[in-house]
Amino acid sequence: MARVRHSKKDIEQALRAAEAQGWTVTPTKAGHRWGKAECGSGCVLSVWSTPKNPQNHAKQMSRAVARCPH
């Protein structure tokens, strides 16, 4: 079953890129946190539902995925 899409297109693109790298994206219902992304070996990213600047949040997520040592 497909996961729920993020409402911000830049963040959704970053999430799809992370999934292509083998990361798991799990939507949650915890305040302002939309969900989390995990590499499976210890790296975890929080995905915010309404960041102040969606483009910067997407860039930060992409950098974190690229820097994952696992």
Protein backbone atom coordinates (compact mmCIF):
# COMPACT_ATOMS: atom_id res chain seq x y z
CA MET A 1 0.00 0.00 0.00
CA ALA A 2 1.28 3.45 -0.89
CA ARG A 3 2.07 5.92 1.85
CA VAL A 4 0.27 9.24 2.31
CA ARG A 5 1.72 12.03 0.17
CA HIS A 6 3.21 15.13 1.78
CA SER A 7 1.34 18.33 0.92
CA LYS A 8 4.50 20.26 -0.04
CA LYS A 9 5.84 19.19 -3.44
CA ASP A 10 9.53 19.87 -2.63
CA ILE A 11 9.37 17.74 0.50
CA GLU A 12 7.50 14.98 -1.35
CA GLN A 13 10.26 14.90 -3.97
CA ALA A 14 12.92 14.66 -1.25
CA LEU A 15 10.98 11.81 0.40
CA ARG A 16 10.74 9.90 -2.88
CA ALA A 17 14.49 10.35 -3.43
CA ALA A 18 15.14 9.02 0.09
CA GLU A 19 12.90 6.02 -0.58
CA ALA A 20 14.82 5.36 -3.80
CA GLN A 21 18.00 5.20 -1.67
CA GLY A 22 16.39 2.54 0.55
CA TRP A 23 15.06 4.76 3.34
CA THR A 24 11.70 4.01 4.97
CA VAL A 25 9.21 6.87 5.33
CA THR A 26 6.58 6.50 8.05
CA PRO A 27 3.81 9.10 8.51
CA THR A 28 2.99 9.85 12.15
CA LYS A 29 0.50 12.01 14.03
CA ALA A 30 2.76 13.72 16.55
CA GLY A 31 2.15 17.47 16.68
CA HIS A 32 3.87 19.36 13.89
CA ARG A 33 5.82 16.31 12.80
CA TRP A 34 4.33 14.79 9.66
CA GLY A 35 6.45 11.69 9.87
CA LYS A 36 9.93 10.24 10.01
CA ALA A 37 12.42 8.79 7.57
CA GLU A 38 14.83 6.05 8.62
CA CYS A 39 17.76 4.47 6.81
CA GLY A 40 17.34 1.24 8.75
CA SER A 41 20.74 1.40 10.44
CA GLY A 42 20.23 4.24 12.90
CA CYS A 43 19.80 7.47 10.94
CA VAL A 44 16.41 9.11 11.55
CA LEU A 45 15.01 12.33 10.07
CA SER A 46 11.95 14.18 11.30
CA VAL A 47 9.68 15.37 8.49
CA TRP A 48 7.73 18.49 9.43
CA SER A 49 4.22 19.07 8.14
CA THR A 50 4.40 22.84 7.75
CA PRO A 51 8.01 24.04 7.76
CA LYS A 52 8.64 27.77 7.48
CA ASN A 53 10.51 27.22 4.22
CA PRO A 54 9.65 23.91 2.49
CA GLN A 55 12.49 24.22 -0.03
CA ASN A 56 15.12 24.51 2.72
CA HIS A 57 13.60 21.61 4.64
CA ALA A 58 13.72 19.46 1.49
CA LYS A 59 17.37 20.43 0.90
CA GLN A 60 18.26 19.56 4.49
CA MET A 61 16.61 16.18 4.12
CA SER A 62 18.43 15.48 0.85
CA ARG A 63 21.78 16.41 2.43
CA ALA A 64 21.13 14.14 5.39
CA VAL A 65 20.30 11.22 3.10
CA ALA A 66 23.47 11.83 1.07
CA ARG A 67 25.62 11.99 4.24
CA CYS A 68 24.24 8.77 5.74
CA PRO A 69 27.23 6.50 6.42
CA HIS A 70 25.16 3.29 6.24
